[in-house]
Amino acid sequence: MLAKGSEPWLFTAVSITALFAILSRAINSSHLNHVAYMAMALTFFMVLFFRDPERKVEVSDTYMVSPADGTVIDIRDRKICIFMFLQNVHVNRAPISGKIREITYKKGGYLPAFCKDSERNERNEFIIHSKYGDVSVMQIAGTIARRIVSYSRVDDNIEQGQRIGMIRLGSRVDVTIPNNFEIIVRKGERVLAGKTIIATIKK
């Protein structure tokens, strides 16, 4: 399955590949043949990058799941920062069930998403009102990404693990953890969206 919002990118890559393949055969040019192979490789990369595998999510009020695939690069002030590398799935999911109370999009720069200065980058913040209070999920664009795609709207009721958006080509997702929960992931740990438990309800 391919991610929603990836169609224009894939169409462009396939069109360029087809064009150079046709030209290389028509002109019988080895140079154009090499370009066609490069375009084919780019198309394969796009398909790999925009993959969106189905995942069975065990919904529960007793824990929160990761909103993104990637690596935990920082944990501070009850905020977990997850960096998504190019090979990761870039579709983001709701860490907890609730209602989207607010969505705030801000334009910005394209600094490396793992830098502290990335606070000035393009970003999109979801405020999910859960039974335990508001949870912020912040999508932050990186150096290559040029578009944050939102799948959800204000007042949508969402279920834990539901797809809420995507960031194209390298990025970061920050999620705040309510005081009712204990953070159980550690810096450097790899996580999967909708699967990895990042916090559990305090007993």
Protein backbone atom coordinates (compact mmCIF):
# COMPACT_ATOMS: atom_id res chain seq x y z
CA MET A 1 0.00 0.00 0.00
CA LEU A 2 1.24 3.50 -0.89
CA ALA A 3 0.85 6.58 1.28
CA LYS A 4 -1.97 9.00 0.61
CA GLY A 5 -0.57 12.15 -0.99
CA SER A 6 2.29 10.37 -2.77
CA GLU A 7 0.53 10.19 -6.16
CA PRO A 8 2.04 13.37 -7.75
CA TRP A 9 5.58 12.33 -6.84
CA LEU A 10 5.17 8.79 -8.13
CA PHE A 11 3.46 9.95 -11.32
CA THR A 12 6.34 12.34 -12.03
CA ALA A 13 8.98 9.66 -11.40
CA VAL A 14 7.20 7.09 -13.59
CA SER A 15 6.66 9.65 -16.38
CA ILE A 16 10.32 10.66 -16.43
CA THR A 17 11.40 7.01 -16.46
CA ALA A 18 9.06 6.19 -19.34
CA LEU A 19 10.17 9.25 -21.32
CA PHE A 20 13.89 8.45 -21.12
CA ALA A 21 13.24 4.75 -21.81
CA ILE A 22 11.37 5.63 -25.00
CA LEU A 23 14.01 8.18 -26.09
CA SER A 24 16.90 5.80 -25.44
CA ARG A 25 15.29 3.14 -27.66
CA ALA A 26 14.30 5.61 -30.38
CA ILE A 27 17.70 7.30 -30.60
CA ASN A 28 19.69 4.21 -29.56
CA SER A 29 21.77 6.32 -27.19
CA SER A 30 23.80 4.62 -24.45
CA HIS A 31 23.84 7.90 -22.52
CA LEU A 32 20.05 8.13 -22.50
CA ASN A 33 19.93 4.46 -21.60
CA HIS A 34 21.98 5.18 -18.46
CA VAL A 35 19.68 8.09 -17.61
CA ALA A 36 16.67 5.81 -18.01
CA TYR A 37 18.18 3.32 -15.56
CA MET A 38 18.84 6.14 -13.09
CA ALA A 39 15.24 7.31 -13.43
CA MET A 40 14.08 3.73 -12.86
CA ALA A 41 16.16 3.57 -9.68
CA LEU A 42 14.61 6.87 -8.54
CA THR A 43 11.13 5.46 -9.17
CA PHE A 44 11.98 2.37 -7.11
CA PHE A 45 13.22 4.63 -4.29
CA MET A 46 9.99 6.65 -4.41
CA VAL A 47 7.87 3.50 -4.16
CA LEU A 48 10.00 2.29 -1.24
CA PHE A 49 9.85 5.64 0.52
CA PHE A 50 6.10 6.15 0.11
CA ARG A 51 5.17 2.66 1.28
CA ASP A 52 2.44 2.53 3.91
CA PRO A 53 2.09 -1.03 5.25
CA GLU A 54 -1.05 -2.12 7.04
CA ARG A 55 -0.51 -2.62 10.77
CA LYS A 56 -2.72 -4.29 13.32
CA VAL A 57 -2.90 -1.86 16.23
CA GLU A 58 -3.95 -3.09 19.67
CA VAL A 59 -5.98 -0.14 20.96
CA SER A 60 -5.77 0.46 24.71
CA ASP A 61 -6.23 3.30 27.23
CA THR A 62 -3.44 1.88 29.37
CA TYR A 63 -0.56 2.92 27.10
CA MET A 64 0.53 5.25 24.31
CA VAL A 65 2.10 4.10 21.06
CA SER A 66 4.75 5.74 18.91
CA PRO A 67 3.40 8.24 16.36
CA ALA A 68 6.28 7.56 13.96
CA ASP A 69 8.81 5.03 12.73
CA GLY A 70 12.38 5.98 13.55
CA THR A 71 14.83 6.45 16.40
CA VAL A 72 14.27 8.28 19.69
CA ILE A 73 16.85 11.08 19.61
CA ASP A 74 15.80 12.98 22.73
CA ILE A 75 13.46 12.85 25.73
CA ARG A 76 12.93 16.08 27.65
CA ASP A 77 10.15 17.84 29.56
CA ARG A 78 7.83 14.87 28.94
CA LYS A 79 8.41 15.20 25.20
CA ILE A 80 9.70 12.31 23.08
CA CYS A 81 11.52 13.30 19.87
CA ILE A 82 11.63 10.70 17.09
CA PHE A 83 13.85 11.14 14.02
CA MET A 84 12.72 9.44 10.82
CA PHE A 85 15.49 8.37 8.44
CA LEU A 86 14.87 8.04 4.69
CA GLN A 87 14.40 4.27 4.96
CA ASN A 88 11.64 4.59 7.58
CA VAL A 89 7.91 4.63 6.82
CA HIS A 90 6.95 8.32 6.93
CA VAL A 91 3.23 8.00 7.64
CA ASN A 92 2.41 9.19 11.16
CA ARG A 93 -0.22 7.69 13.47
CA ALA A 94 -2.18 8.81 16.54
CA PRO A 95 -0.41 7.82 19.78
CA ILE A 96 -3.67 7.85 21.73
CA SER A 97 -7.41 7.90 21.02
CA GLY A 98 -9.27 11.19 21.27
CA LYS A 99 -10.60 14.19 19.37
CA ILE A 100 -8.45 16.58 17.36
CA ARG A 101 -8.99 19.90 19.09
CA GLU A 102 -6.55 21.98 17.07
CA ILE A 103 -4.20 21.78 14.07
CA THR A 104 -1.57 24.49 13.67
CA TYR A 105 0.65 24.74 10.59
CA LYS A 106 3.69 27.03 10.49
CA LYS A 107 6.03 27.73 7.61
CA GLY A 108 9.74 27.69 8.32
CA GLY A 109 13.24 26.71 7.24
CA TYR A 110 14.72 23.31 6.43
CA LEU A 111 17.51 22.73 8.91
CA PRO A 112 18.45 19.14 9.85
CA ALA A 113 15.50 17.87 11.92
CA PHE A 114 17.77 16.41 14.58
CA CYS A 115 19.23 19.84 15.42
CA LYS A 116 17.86 22.01 18.22
CA ASP A 117 17.66 24.89 15.72
CA SER A 118 15.03 22.87 13.84
CA GLU A 119 12.50 24.59 16.12
CA ARG A 120 12.41 27.16 13.29
CA ASN A 121 11.54 24.57 10.63
CA GLU A 122 8.25 24.03 8.86
CA ARG A 123 5.91 22.22 11.25
CA ASN A 124 2.40 20.95 11.80
CA GLU A 125 1.01 20.39 15.29
CA PHE A 126 -1.97 18.24 16.22
CA ILE A 127 -3.57 18.74 19.63
CA ILE A 128 -5.43 15.54 20.51
CA HIS A 129 -7.88 15.88 23.40
CA SER A 130 -7.82 12.50 25.17
CA LYS A 131 -9.41 11.26 28.39
CA TYR A 132 -6.07 12.02 30.07
CA GLY A 133 -5.74 15.57 28.73
CA ASP A 134 -4.28 17.19 25.63
CA VAL A 135 -1.51 15.42 23.70
CA SER A 136 0.62 17.31 21.19
CA VAL A 137 1.96 15.56 18.10
CA MET A 138 4.37 17.82 16.21
CA GLN A 139 5.48 17.02 12.65
CA ILE A 140 8.75 18.81 11.82
CA ALA A 141 10.16 19.01 8.29
CA GLY A 142 13.85 18.26 7.69
CA THR A 143 16.48 19.35 5.15
CA ILE A 144 14.97 17.49 2.18
CA ALA A 145 11.29 17.54 3.07
CA ARG A 146 9.24 20.27 1.45
CA ARG A 147 5.70 19.33 2.38
CA ILE A 148 3.84 18.12 5.44
CA VAL A 149 0.62 16.33 4.54
CA SER A 150 -2.26 16.17 7.02
CA TYR A 151 -4.84 13.38 6.80
CA SER A 152 -7.01 14.65 9.66
CA ARG A 153 -9.11 17.72 10.45
CA VAL A 154 -10.15 19.64 13.54
CA ASP A 155 -13.00 17.90 15.43
CA ASP A 156 -12.15 14.49 13.93
CA ASN A 157 -12.48 11.63 16.40
CA ILE A 158 -9.43 9.43 15.93
CA GLU A 159 -8.49 6.04 17.25
CA GLN A 160 -5.09 5.08 18.58
CA GLY A 161 -2.88 3.99 15.68
CA GLN A 162 -4.98 5.76 13.04
CA ARG A 163 -3.07 7.51 10.26
CA ILE A 164 -3.01 11.29 10.82
CA GLY A 165 -0.46 12.55 8.29
CA MET A 166 2.88 12.21 6.53
CA ILE A 167 6.11 14.19 6.15
CA ARG A 168 7.98 13.77 2.89
CA LEU A 169 11.66 12.84 2.75
CA GLY A 170 13.33 12.90 6.15
CA SER A 171 11.86 14.52 9.23
CA ARG A 172 11.02 14.38 12.94
CA VAL A 173 7.96 13.87 15.10
CA ASP A 174 7.67 15.08 18.73
CA VAL A 175 4.96 13.83 21.07
CA THR A 176 4.11 15.08 24.56
CA ILE A 177 3.25 12.57 27.27
CA PRO A 178 0.56 13.44 29.88
CA ASN A 179 1.51 13.25 33.55
CA ASN A 180 -0.76 10.20 33.95
CA PHE A 181 1.76 8.14 31.96
CA GLU A 182 5.26 6.84 32.62
CA ILE A 183 7.70 7.05 29.71
CA ILE A 184 9.22 3.62 29.05
CA VAL A 185 11.28 4.18 25.88
CA ARG A 186 14.89 5.30 26.02
CA LYS A 187 17.06 7.56 23.91
CA GLY A 188 18.51 5.63 20.97
CA GLU A 189 15.64 3.10 20.83
CA ARG A 190 14.05 2.28 17.50
CA VAL A 191 10.26 2.57 17.37
CA LEU A 192 7.41 1.73 14.98
CA ALA A 193 4.31 3.89 14.51
CA GLY A 194 1.22 2.34 16.04
CA LYS A 195 3.18 -0.65 17.37
CA THR A 196 5.87 0.37 19.86
CA ILE A 197 4.57 1.27 23.32
CA ILE A 198 6.29 4.49 24.44
CA ALA A 199 4.45 5.16 27.72
CA THR A 200 2.21 3.25 30.12
CA ILE A 201 -0.44 4.49 32.55
CA LYS A 202 0.88 5.00 36.06
CA LYS A 203 -0.38 2.49 38.60
